[in-house]
Structures are given as structure tokens and as C-alpha cells.
Protein backbone atom coordinates (compact mmCIF):
# COMPACT_ATOMS: atom_id res chain seq x y z
CA UNK A 1 -14.16 -74.83 15.59
CA UNK A 2 -13.44 -78.56 15.48
CA UNK A 3 -14.29 -81.11 18.17
CA UNK A 4 -10.70 -81.35 19.41
CA UNK A 5 -10.53 -77.57 19.83
CA UNK A 6 -13.87 -77.58 21.65
CA UNK A 7 -12.62 -80.26 24.02
CA UNK A 8 -9.37 -78.34 24.51
CA UNK A 9 -11.29 -75.16 25.38
CA UNK A 10 -13.48 -76.87 27.97
CA UNK A 11 -10.53 -78.81 29.43
CA UNK A 12 -8.63 -75.54 29.75
CA UNK A 13 -11.61 -73.85 31.41
CA UNK A 14 -11.99 -76.77 33.86
CA UNK A 15 -8.34 -76.48 34.87
CA UNK A 16 -8.55 -72.70 35.20
CA UNK A 17 -11.63 -72.99 37.41
CA UNK A 18 -9.86 -75.54 39.62
CA UNK A 19 -6.96 -73.13 40.04
CA UNK A 20 -8.83 -69.87 40.71
CA UNK A 21 -12.39 -70.64 41.81
CA UNK A 22 -12.79 -70.78 45.60
CA UNK A 23 -15.93 -72.95 45.32
CA UNK A 24 -15.81 -75.12 42.17
CA UNK A 25 -18.91 -77.20 43.13
CA UNK A 26 -20.96 -73.97 43.18
CA UNK A 27 -19.77 -72.97 39.71
CA UNK A 28 -20.39 -76.50 38.45
CA UNK A 29 -23.98 -76.39 39.74
CA UNK A 30 -24.59 -72.89 38.38
CA UNK A 31 -23.28 -73.99 34.98
CA UNK A 32 -25.53 -77.08 34.99
CA UNK A 33 -28.58 -74.96 35.83
CA UNK A 34 -27.70 -72.27 33.27
CA UNK A 35 -27.31 -74.87 30.52
CA UNK A 36 -30.65 -76.44 31.53
CA UNK A 37 -32.25 -73.00 31.15
CA UNK A 38 -30.58 -72.58 27.76
CA UNK A 39 -31.85 -75.97 26.56
CA UNK A 40 -35.37 -75.47 27.95
CA UNK A 41 -35.75 -71.99 26.47
CA UNK A 42 -34.43 -72.77 22.99
CA UNK A 43 -37.74 -71.95 21.32
CA UNK A 44 -37.54 -68.42 22.74
CA UNK A 45 -33.89 -67.54 22.12
CA UNK A 46 -33.15 -69.65 19.03
CA UNK A 47 -29.42 -69.97 19.75
CA UNK A 48 -27.23 -72.99 19.11
CA UNK A 49 -24.01 -74.77 20.11
CA UNK A 50 -21.74 -71.69 19.88
CA UNK A 51 -23.81 -69.66 22.33
CA UNK A 52 -24.26 -72.69 24.60
CA UNK A 53 -20.49 -73.00 24.74
CA UNK A 54 -20.13 -69.30 25.65
CA UNK A 55 -22.57 -69.87 28.51
CA UNK A 56 -20.68 -72.94 29.69
CA UNK A 57 -17.36 -71.09 29.69
CA UNK A 58 -18.83 -68.07 31.47
CA UNK A 59 -20.60 -70.27 34.01
CA UNK A 60 -17.49 -72.22 34.91
CA UNK A 61 -15.40 -69.06 35.25
CA UNK A 62 -17.93 -66.56 36.64
CA UNK A 63 -16.48 -66.59 40.17
CA UNK A 64 -12.73 -66.77 39.48
CA UNK A 65 -12.47 -63.08 40.36
CA UNK A 66 -12.86 -64.03 44.04
CA UNK A 67 -9.22 -65.17 43.88
CA UNK A 68 -8.16 -61.52 43.39
CA UNK A 69 -10.95 -59.66 45.11
CA UNK A 70 -10.09 -56.76 47.40
CA UNK A 71 -13.11 -54.46 47.20
CA UNK A 72 -16.03 -56.82 46.51
CA UNK A 73 -16.10 -56.42 42.71
CA UNK A 74 -15.38 -60.04 41.89
CA UNK A 75 -17.66 -59.97 38.82
CA UNK A 76 -15.45 -57.35 37.12
CA UNK A 77 -12.30 -59.20 38.14
CA UNK A 78 -13.74 -62.40 36.66
CA UNK A 79 -14.30 -60.51 33.39
CA UNK A 80 -10.74 -59.19 33.41
CA UNK A 81 -9.23 -62.57 34.22
CA UNK A 82 -11.19 -64.26 31.41
CA UNK A 83 -9.90 -61.62 29.00
CA UNK A 84 -6.32 -62.39 30.11
CA UNK A 85 -6.65 -66.12 29.43
CA UNK A 86 -5.51 -67.84 26.25
CA UNK A 87 -8.47 -70.19 25.79
CA UNK A 88 -7.74 -72.67 22.98
CA UNK A 89 -10.04 -72.38 19.98
CA UNK A 90 -11.76 -69.20 21.16
CA UNK A 91 -11.24 -66.01 19.18
CA UNK A 92 -11.02 -62.62 20.89
CA UNK A 93 -14.59 -61.59 20.04
CA UNK A 94 -16.02 -64.79 21.52
CA UNK A 95 -13.73 -64.44 24.52
CA UNK A 96 -15.09 -60.92 25.09
CA UNK A 97 -18.64 -62.29 24.95
CA UNK A 98 -17.79 -64.97 27.55
CA UNK A 99 -16.09 -62.39 29.78
CA UNK A 100 -19.11 -60.08 29.66
CA UNK A 101 -21.59 -62.87 30.35
CA UNK A 102 -19.56 -63.71 33.46
CA UNK A 103 -19.28 -60.02 34.41
CA UNK A 104 -23.06 -59.58 34.30
CA UNK A 105 -23.89 -62.62 36.46
CA UNK A 106 -24.48 -60.20 39.34
CA UNK A 107 -24.79 -56.49 40.15
CA UNK A 108 -25.50 -54.14 37.23
CA UNK A 109 -27.20 -55.37 34.09
CA UNK A 110 -25.73 -54.76 30.60
CA UNK A 111 -25.93 -51.08 29.63
CA UNK A 112 -24.32 -49.82 26.42
CA UNK A 113 -24.62 -46.21 27.59
CA UNK A 114 -22.48 -46.88 30.68
CA UNK A 115 -20.30 -49.91 29.92
CA UNK A 116 -17.58 -49.39 27.35
CA UNK A 117 -16.84 -53.04 26.61
CA UNK A 118 -20.49 -53.96 26.20
CA UNK A 119 -20.98 -50.93 23.94
CA UNK A 120 -18.10 -52.14 21.74
CA UNK A 121 -20.09 -55.25 20.71
CA UNK A 122 -22.25 -55.24 17.60
CA UNK A 123 -26.02 -55.25 18.33
CA UNK A 124 -26.46 -58.97 17.60
CA UNK A 125 -23.65 -59.91 19.97
CA UNK A 126 -25.05 -57.59 22.65
CA UNK A 127 -28.39 -59.37 22.33
CA UNK A 128 -26.74 -62.76 22.78
CA UNK A 129 -24.74 -61.57 25.80
CA UNK A 130 -27.93 -60.22 27.39
CA UNK A 131 -29.80 -63.50 26.91
CA UNK A 132 -26.96 -65.63 28.24
CA UNK A 133 -26.20 -63.32 31.16
CA UNK A 134 -29.91 -63.42 32.02
CA UNK A 135 -29.75 -67.21 32.25
CA UNK A 136 -26.53 -67.14 34.26
CA UNK A 137 -28.01 -64.64 36.73
CA UNK A 138 -31.03 -66.88 37.40
CA UNK A 139 -28.82 -69.97 37.72
CA UNK A 140 -26.51 -68.18 40.15
CA UNK A 141 -29.53 -67.08 42.19
CA UNK A 142 -30.73 -70.69 42.31
CA UNK A 143 -27.50 -71.62 44.12
CA UNK A 144 -27.22 -68.43 46.18
CA UNK A 145 -26.70 -70.44 49.37
CA UNK A 146 -23.92 -72.51 47.72
CA UNK A 147 -25.72 -75.52 49.21
CA UNK A 148 -26.62 -77.07 45.84
CA UNK A 149 -30.23 -77.46 47.00
CA UNK A 150 -31.54 -77.27 43.43
CA UNK A 151 -30.39 -80.32 41.50
CA UNK A 152 -31.92 -79.50 38.14
CA UNK A 153 -34.73 -77.71 36.37
CA UNK A 154 -37.08 -77.75 33.41
CA UNK A 155 -39.04 -74.87 31.91
CA UNK A 156 -42.57 -74.64 30.66
CA UNK A 157 -43.28 -71.60 28.46
CA UNK A 158 -46.71 -70.14 27.83
CA UNK A 159 -47.88 -66.77 26.51
CA UNK A 160 -47.64 -65.06 29.88
CA UNK A 161 -44.93 -66.85 31.83
CA UNK A 162 -41.80 -68.92 31.93
CA UNK A 163 -42.49 -71.49 34.65
CA UNK A 164 -39.28 -72.96 36.04
CA UNK A 165 -39.84 -76.36 37.68
CA UNK A 166 -37.07 -77.01 40.19
CA UNK A 167 -35.80 -80.44 41.19
CA UNK A 168 -35.04 -80.33 44.90
CA UNK A 169 -35.04 -82.83 47.74
CA UNK A 170 -35.87 -80.20 50.37
CA UNK A 171 -36.81 -76.61 51.02
CA UNK A 172 -35.62 -74.31 48.25
CA UNK A 173 -37.34 -71.06 49.25
CA UNK A 174 -33.99 -69.33 49.76
CA UNK A 175 -32.88 -70.30 46.27
CA UNK A 176 -36.16 -69.15 44.72
CA UNK A 177 -35.78 -65.79 46.47
CA UNK A 178 -32.18 -65.58 45.21
CA UNK A 179 -33.33 -66.21 41.65
CA UNK A 180 -36.19 -63.70 41.92
CA UNK A 181 -33.73 -61.00 42.92
CA UNK A 182 -31.77 -61.60 39.71
CA UNK A 183 -34.32 -62.61 37.08
CA UNK A 184 -35.21 -59.16 35.67
CA UNK A 185 -32.89 -59.49 32.67
CA UNK A 186 -34.22 -62.92 31.67
CA UNK A 187 -37.81 -61.72 32.11
CA UNK A 188 -37.06 -58.78 29.80
CA UNK A 189 -35.43 -60.97 27.14
CA UNK A 190 -38.15 -63.63 27.31
CA UNK A 191 -40.96 -61.07 27.33
CA UNK A 192 -42.73 -62.97 30.10
CA UNK A 193 -42.82 -63.07 33.89
CA UNK A 194 -40.87 -65.87 35.55
CA UNK A 195 -42.50 -68.21 38.05
CA UNK A 196 -40.89 -70.97 40.13
CA UNK A 197 -42.30 -74.32 41.18
CA UNK A 198 -40.51 -76.54 43.66
């Protein structure tokens, strides 16, 4: 995938988010936080630019399902809408990965025994989707109030814990609670408990 194609994909995703996302600043903040997690946890997951791009695409589009929501299942609608898009420079397998990362940003965690699309991925791709969805879940929790109270983060990793240091000008207890409610998947992938410092 060349640089021009990469730029075209992200430009396309930006425009799509502007069209369908009811709260683009929230998705922008969630994406920023998810990418900061990705960068800070590189020694644990070992992934590179391709997976980072999947996370960026999923982060920017994770809430577009709200534009079609009727029954409260916006995460599944986001997945379906991503699968309908013609994202430049992204093949169908990568598009499926992005759609599933967005789908798993809330509610049920990935489960190959119950989720047909997730089960259709090869084991390596499933592993990558789980890691990236775990990061997106925590990032979404850290902006659960949509108030953008957490401006950034950095991680410190030791044998027992991933300590997430949050940059915030004020009280971020609500955001920490939001992240705690959604951090099980990232704890499982990282093999360590997650702690927050504000």
C-alpha cells in the first residue's frame, strides 16, 4: 500500500465520519487515545503500521452506526456500514478486520464460537482484532462522557500491570470508571491488570 493510497484511505474515512458520525470530536478523541495506547504498548503487541492503520480506521468509524440506529445496536450497524464502504487501498480482508474492531468497541467481546464473521478470520487475524478492539474499548471508555476530559495518555508496563497515565486538566473519575468497565479484553491480551493514574 503506497503513501498516496494510505492518504486516500484516511481522507475517505475522515469524510465518511463527517457524514455519518453524530459526534465527530468524540471519535477523534477516542482515535487519538487508542493510537496512544497502540504506540505505548508496542513492546507487548509487536504490531506495526498496518495494524495501527486498522485501529485508526476503526476508531474514526466506530460510532457511524448511530446514524442508522433503531434498536440500540449501533456497534453492529457500524460494522455493517464499514463493510459496505469502498475504502481506497484497503482489501476486503483488512476491511473486515477494521469492521470487527469497530464492532467490538462495546458490548460483547470477540467470540469465535458465537460470532460468524469473527470465526471466519484466520487465528493470526483474530489475535490482531482482539488486541486492537481491546485498545479501542479502553479508549472509548476514557471518553465515555463525550466531554474530552482526557487529553492524552502514556503507558508504563511492568511484570504485573499496565499503568495508564492520563493527561487531564480536571476530574477524570468518570472516564476511569468508563475504561474499567471495558478493559477486560486488553487486560487479557496484555496478561496484566490495568491501573489508571490521573
